Amino acid sequence: MEGEARFLLITGIQSAHWRKTLKSALIPLGALDVAEQDQALVEIEHGDYDLIFIDATAVVEFVEMVEAIRRQDHDLPIIVAAASPDWEQAREVLRAGASDYVRKSHDEQELLSVVRAVLNWPLCSEP
């Protein structure tokens, strides 16, 4: 449900700027929680998340993280965001079970569009 969704960003300390951008972009849709990669699976198990973001810049073994999340929850949407995405990584991440693999955008509207597409929500709200 829009406005009440829960998102989790799996990241590291070095991505504070993108974390702020993502949090700001998601305000109309819901709340963003943040977890370091070593606590992410515990957080997912105890949280009721609608979508997971993985910061590929901060999570070194992001493909393995996608696989671990998939073993835990087969249906949870996962978006992997990379500063410089490439086709080989995209193929690996999507084969591992990610819903999407995107460039780390600082454009809030672009981020909202990606989230809405992955969650199959309309691109714009009713007036």
Protein backbone atom coordinates (compact mmCIF):
# COMPACT_ATOMS: atom_id res chain seq x y z
CA MET A 1 0.00 0.00 0.00
CA GLU A 2 1.31 3.40 -0.95
CA GLY A 3 2.27 5.63 1.94
CA GLU A 4 2.58 2.64 4.25
CA ALA A 5 5.23 0.58 2.46
CA ARG A 6 8.38 -0.54 4.24
CA PHE A 7 11.69 -0.55 2.44
CA LEU A 8 15.08 -1.83 3.55
CA LEU A 9 18.39 -0.54 2.23
CA ILE A 10 21.32 -2.89 2.69
CA THR A 11 24.39 -0.71 2.59
CA GLY A 12 27.57 0.47 4.23
CA ILE A 13 28.81 3.64 5.82
CA GLN A 14 30.24 5.13 2.64
CA SER A 15 26.88 5.64 0.91
CA ALA A 16 25.35 8.23 3.24
CA HIS A 17 24.59 10.69 0.41
CA TRP A 18 22.65 8.16 -1.69
CA ARG A 19 20.90 6.89 1.44
CA LYS A 20 19.55 10.41 2.05
CA THR A 21 18.40 10.73 -1.57
CA LEU A 22 16.65 7.37 -1.47
CA LYS A 23 14.97 8.12 1.85
CA SER A 24 13.71 11.45 0.53
CA ALA A 25 12.44 9.86 -2.69
CA LEU A 26 10.51 7.17 -0.83
CA ILE A 27 8.71 9.50 1.61
CA PRO A 28 5.46 9.49 -0.46
CA LEU A 29 5.48 5.68 -0.51
CA GLY A 30 6.55 4.75 2.99
CA ALA A 31 9.48 4.34 5.37
CA LEU A 32 13.09 3.35 4.67
CA ASP A 33 15.06 1.30 7.17
CA VAL A 34 18.80 0.75 6.81
CA ALA A 35 20.88 -2.30 7.68
CA GLU A 36 24.55 -3.15 7.32
CA GLN A 37 25.10 -6.28 5.26
CA ASP A 38 26.03 -8.41 8.29
CA GLN A 39 22.63 -7.69 9.89
CA ALA A 40 20.49 -7.65 6.76
CA LEU A 41 19.16 -11.21 6.81
CA VAL A 42 18.14 -10.93 10.47
CA GLU A 43 16.42 -7.62 9.72
CA ILE A 44 14.55 -9.15 6.76
CA GLU A 45 13.47 -12.14 8.85
CA HIS A 46 12.00 -9.92 11.57
CA GLY A 47 10.75 -7.07 9.39
CA ASP A 48 7.76 -6.96 7.09
CA TYR A 49 9.33 -5.33 4.05
CA ASP A 50 7.74 -4.61 0.70
CA LEU A 51 11.03 -4.15 -1.14
CA ILE A 52 14.76 -4.49 -0.52
CA PHE A 53 17.46 -2.25 -1.99
CA ILE A 54 21.05 -3.47 -2.10
CA ASP A 55 23.75 -0.85 -2.58
CA ALA A 56 26.24 -2.72 -4.78
CA THR A 57 28.84 -0.03 -4.11
CA ALA A 58 28.82 -0.78 -0.37
CA VAL A 59 27.91 -4.49 -0.30
CA VAL A 60 30.94 -6.27 -1.73
CA GLU A 61 29.26 -9.63 -2.32
CA PHE A 62 25.91 -8.33 -3.50
CA VAL A 63 25.16 -11.33 -5.75
CA GLU A 64 25.55 -13.63 -2.77
CA MET A 65 23.32 -11.30 -0.73
CA VAL A 66 20.58 -11.60 -3.38
CA GLU A 67 20.90 -15.39 -3.29
CA ALA A 68 20.70 -15.44 0.52
CA ILE A 69 17.58 -13.24 0.50
CA ARG A 70 15.99 -15.49 -2.13
CA ARG A 71 16.61 -18.56 0.04
CA GLN A 72 14.86 -16.75 2.88
CA ASP A 73 11.99 -15.20 0.89
CA HIS A 74 11.20 -16.25 -2.68
CA ASP A 75 8.85 -13.37 -3.48
CA LEU A 76 10.38 -10.29 -1.86
CA PRO A 77 11.28 -7.73 -4.56
CA ILE A 78 14.98 -6.82 -4.62
CA ILE A 79 16.55 -3.87 -6.44
CA VAL A 80 20.33 -3.80 -6.73
CA ALA A 81 21.75 -0.33 -7.37
CA ALA A 82 25.28 0.23 -8.64
CA ALA A 83 27.25 3.42 -9.30
CA SER A 84 28.56 2.00 -12.58
CA PRO A 85 26.36 -0.93 -13.62
CA ASP A 86 27.63 -3.33 -16.25
CA TRP A 87 26.00 -6.11 -18.27
CA GLU A 88 27.93 -8.97 -16.68
CA GLN A 89 26.92 -7.90 -13.17
CA ALA A 90 23.36 -7.33 -14.34
CA ARG A 91 23.16 -10.87 -15.72
CA GLU A 92 24.56 -12.36 -12.49
CA VAL A 93 22.27 -10.35 -10.23
CA LEU A 94 19.13 -11.07 -12.24
CA ARG A 95 19.97 -14.79 -12.42
CA ALA A 96 20.45 -14.75 -8.64
CA GLY A 97 16.89 -13.49 -8.28
CA ALA A 98 16.98 -9.69 -8.18
CA SER A 99 13.90 -7.92 -9.53
CA ASP A 100 15.95 -5.12 -11.11
CA TYR A 101 19.52 -3.85 -11.45
CA VAL A 102 19.80 -0.09 -11.81
CA ARG A 103 22.19 2.83 -11.75
CA LYS A 104 22.37 4.63 -8.41
CA SER A 105 20.37 7.68 -9.36
CA HIS A 106 20.14 10.89 -7.37
CA ASP A 107 16.99 11.82 -9.29
CA GLU A 108 14.10 11.21 -6.89
CA GLN A 109 11.51 10.87 -9.66
CA GLU A 110 13.62 8.24 -11.41
CA LEU A 111 13.93 6.29 -8.16
CA LEU A 112 10.17 6.49 -7.58
CA SER A 113 9.53 5.22 -11.11
CA VAL A 114 11.79 2.21 -10.58
CA VAL A 115 10.14 1.34 -7.27
CA ARG A 116 6.63 1.74 -8.66
CA ALA A 117 7.50 -0.46 -11.66
CA VAL A 118 8.98 -3.23 -9.50
CA LEU A 119 5.98 -3.15 -7.14
CA ASN A 120 3.51 -2.85 -10.06
CA TRP A 121 2.11 0.39 -8.69
CA PRO A 122 0.74 3.14 -10.95
CA LEU A 123 3.31 5.70 -12.06
CA CYS A 124 1.21 8.54 -10.71
CA SER A 125 -1.33 8.83 -7.93
CA GLU A 126 -4.91 9.89 -8.40
CA PRO A 127 -5.46 13.61 -7.70
